[in-house]
Amino acid sequence: MSTIKVKSAYKDGQIKLEDLDVVCNKLCKKNNSVLFKLEKYLNKKLLSNPELTEIRDTILTVSGELSRLKDNLVTDGDSNEGLQ
């Protein structure tokens, strides 16, 4: 599979190309830090309430999908036999 790059804008205005897996890893870390910050802000565990548990599960699902994105990507020219 060819290397996929993503344009990333930085606070100083620079735009850099980064590997997809690097970008996904950064997004997973940011996503997971939201869980910590939310628990700290609410001063309670997200598993203590059904609605908060649903928010937690959604955030963790997104993190999981991001971490698997590179492996699940199909680009033009890739064999997609067996995909449904």
C-alpha atoms as a PDB file:
ATOM      1  CA  MET A   1       0.000   0.000   0.000  1.00  0.00           C
ATOM      2  CA  SER A   2       1.300   3.459  -0.812  1.00  0.00           C
ATOM      3  CA  THR A   3       1.997   5.931   1.960  1.00  0.00           C
ATOM      4  CA  ILE A   4      -0.916   8.257   2.599  1.00  0.00           C
ATOM      5  CA  LYS A   5      -0.081  11.755   3.797  1.00  0.00           C
ATOM      6  CA  VAL A   6      -2.344  14.271   5.519  1.00  0.00           C
ATOM      7  CA  LYS A   7      -1.921  18.046   5.537  1.00  0.00           C
ATOM      8  CA  SER A   8      -1.649  19.237   9.124  1.00  0.00           C
ATOM      9  CA  ALA A   9      -1.907  22.912  10.044  1.00  0.00           C
ATOM     10  CA  TYR A  10       0.010  24.097  13.076  1.00  0.00           C
ATOM     11  CA  LYS A  11      -0.627  27.049  15.388  1.00  0.00           C
ATOM     12  CA  ASP A  12       2.323  28.932  13.889  1.00  0.00           C
ATOM     13  CA  GLY A  13       0.650  28.801  10.471  1.00  0.00           C
ATOM     14  CA  GLN A  14       2.877  26.116   9.009  1.00  0.00           C
ATOM     15  CA  ILE A  15       1.350  23.298   7.027  1.00  0.00           C
ATOM     16  CA  LYS A  16       3.174  19.983   7.104  1.00  0.00           C
ATOM     17  CA  LEU A  17       2.548  16.607   5.541  1.00  0.00           C
ATOM     18  CA  GLU A  18       2.289  13.770   8.049  1.00  0.00           C
ATOM     19  CA  ASP A  19       1.726  10.053   7.632  1.00  0.00           C
ATOM     20  CA  LEU A  20      -1.883   8.987   8.101  1.00  0.00           C
ATOM     21  CA  ASP A  21      -1.007   6.699  11.010  1.00  0.00           C
ATOM     22  CA  VAL A  22       0.747   9.574  12.823  1.00  0.00           C
ATOM     23  CA  VAL A  23      -2.297  11.829  12.403  1.00  0.00           C
ATOM     24  CA  CYS A  24      -4.679   9.072  13.532  1.00  0.00           C
ATOM     25  CA  ASN A  25      -2.509   8.398  16.578  1.00  0.00           C
ATOM     26  CA  LYS A  26      -2.564  12.103  17.525  1.00  0.00           C
ATOM     27  CA  LEU A  27      -6.351  12.215  17.116  1.00  0.00           C
ATOM     28  CA  CYS A  28      -6.765   9.100  19.287  1.00  0.00           C
ATOM     29  CA  LYS A  29      -4.681  10.685  22.034  1.00  0.00           C
ATOM     30  CA  LYS A  30      -6.662  13.938  21.847  1.00  0.00           C
ATOM     31  CA  ASN A  31      -9.917  12.001  21.838  1.00  0.00           C
ATOM     32  CA  ASN A  32      -8.898   9.955  24.869  1.00  0.00           C
ATOM     33  CA  SER A  33      -7.733  13.071  26.717  1.00  0.00           C
ATOM     34  CA  VAL A  34     -11.289  14.398  26.355  1.00  0.00           C
ATOM     35  CA  LEU A  35     -12.460  11.489  28.534  1.00  0.00           C
ATOM     36  CA  PHE A  36     -10.000  12.422  31.269  1.00  0.00           C
ATOM     37  CA  LYS A  37     -10.875  16.125  31.080  1.00  0.00           C
ATOM     38  CA  LEU A  38     -14.601  15.402  31.117  1.00  0.00           C
ATOM     39  CA  GLU A  39     -14.317  13.193  34.208  1.00  0.00           C
ATOM     40  CA  LYS A  40     -12.186  15.827  35.909  1.00  0.00           C
ATOM     41  CA  TYR A  41     -14.622  18.618  34.996  1.00  0.00           C
ATOM     42  CA  LEU A  42     -17.661  16.640  36.150  1.00  0.00           C
ATOM     43  CA  ASN A  43     -15.783  15.283  39.169  1.00  0.00           C
ATOM     44  CA  LYS A  44     -17.243  11.831  38.537  1.00  0.00           C
ATOM     45  CA  LYS A  45     -16.495   8.698  36.553  1.00  0.00           C
ATOM     46  CA  LEU A  46     -18.226   8.438  33.196  1.00  0.00           C
ATOM     47  CA  LEU A  47     -19.349   4.914  34.100  1.00  0.00           C
ATOM     48  CA  SER A  48     -21.428   6.307  36.980  1.00  0.00           C
ATOM     49  CA  ASN A  49     -24.316   7.407  34.763  1.00  0.00           C
ATOM     50  CA  PRO A  50     -25.940   5.753  31.711  1.00  0.00           C
ATOM     51  CA  GLU A  51     -25.823   8.932  29.599  1.00  0.00           C
ATOM     52  CA  LEU A  52     -22.178   9.556  30.490  1.00  0.00           C
ATOM     53  CA  THR A  53     -21.394   5.913  29.746  1.00  0.00           C
ATOM     54  CA  GLU A  54     -22.893   6.362  26.283  1.00  0.00           C
ATOM     55  CA  ILE A  55     -20.690   9.429  25.681  1.00  0.00           C
ATOM     56  CA  ARG A  56     -17.648   7.484  26.903  1.00  0.00           C
ATOM     57  CA  ASP A  57     -18.450   4.527  24.648  1.00  0.00           C
ATOM     58  CA  THR A  58     -18.874   6.806  21.626  1.00  0.00           C
ATOM     59  CA  ILE A  59     -15.527   8.507  22.240  1.00  0.00           C
ATOM     60  CA  LEU A  60     -13.789   5.144  22.689  1.00  0.00           C
ATOM     61  CA  THR A  61     -15.437   3.796  19.523  1.00  0.00           C
ATOM     62  CA  VAL A  62     -14.152   6.771  17.537  1.00  0.00           C
ATOM     63  CA  SER A  63     -10.654   6.235  18.960  1.00  0.00           C
ATOM     64  CA  GLY A  64     -10.800   2.573  17.968  1.00  0.00           C
ATOM     65  CA  GLU A  65     -11.956   3.398  14.453  1.00  0.00           C
ATOM     66  CA  LEU A  66      -9.172   5.965  14.092  1.00  0.00           C
ATOM     67  CA  SER A  67      -6.539   3.471  15.198  1.00  0.00           C
ATOM     68  CA  ARG A  68      -7.781   0.941  12.610  1.00  0.00           C
ATOM     69  CA  LEU A  69      -8.284   3.452   9.786  1.00  0.00           C
ATOM     70  CA  LYS A  70      -4.917   2.905   8.096  1.00  0.00           C
ATOM     71  CA  ASP A  71      -5.469  -0.869   7.998  1.00  0.00           C
ATOM     72  CA  ASN A  72      -9.005  -0.531   6.631  1.00  0.00           C
ATOM     73  CA  LEU A  73      -8.294   2.037   3.918  1.00  0.00           C
ATOM     74  CA  VAL A  74      -8.750   0.995   0.291  1.00  0.00           C
ATOM     75  CA  THR A  75      -7.298   3.214  -2.417  1.00  0.00           C
ATOM     76  CA  ASP A  76      -7.587   3.080  -6.196  1.00  0.00           C
ATOM     77  CA  GLY A  77      -5.455   0.251  -7.453  1.00  0.00           C
ATOM     78  CA  ASP A  78      -5.749  -1.793  -4.271  1.00  0.00           C
ATOM     79  CA  SER A  79      -7.292  -5.178  -4.582  1.00  0.00           C
ATOM     80  CA  ASN A  80     -10.772  -5.048  -3.135  1.00  0.00           C
ATOM     81  CA  GLU A  81     -11.683  -8.644  -3.795  1.00  0.00           C
ATOM     82  CA  GLY A  82     -13.758 -10.067  -1.009  1.00  0.00           C
ATOM     83  CA  LEU A  83     -14.790  -6.660   0.332  1.00  0.00           C
ATOM     84  CA  GLN A  84     -18.501  -6.226   0.772  1.00  0.00           C
END
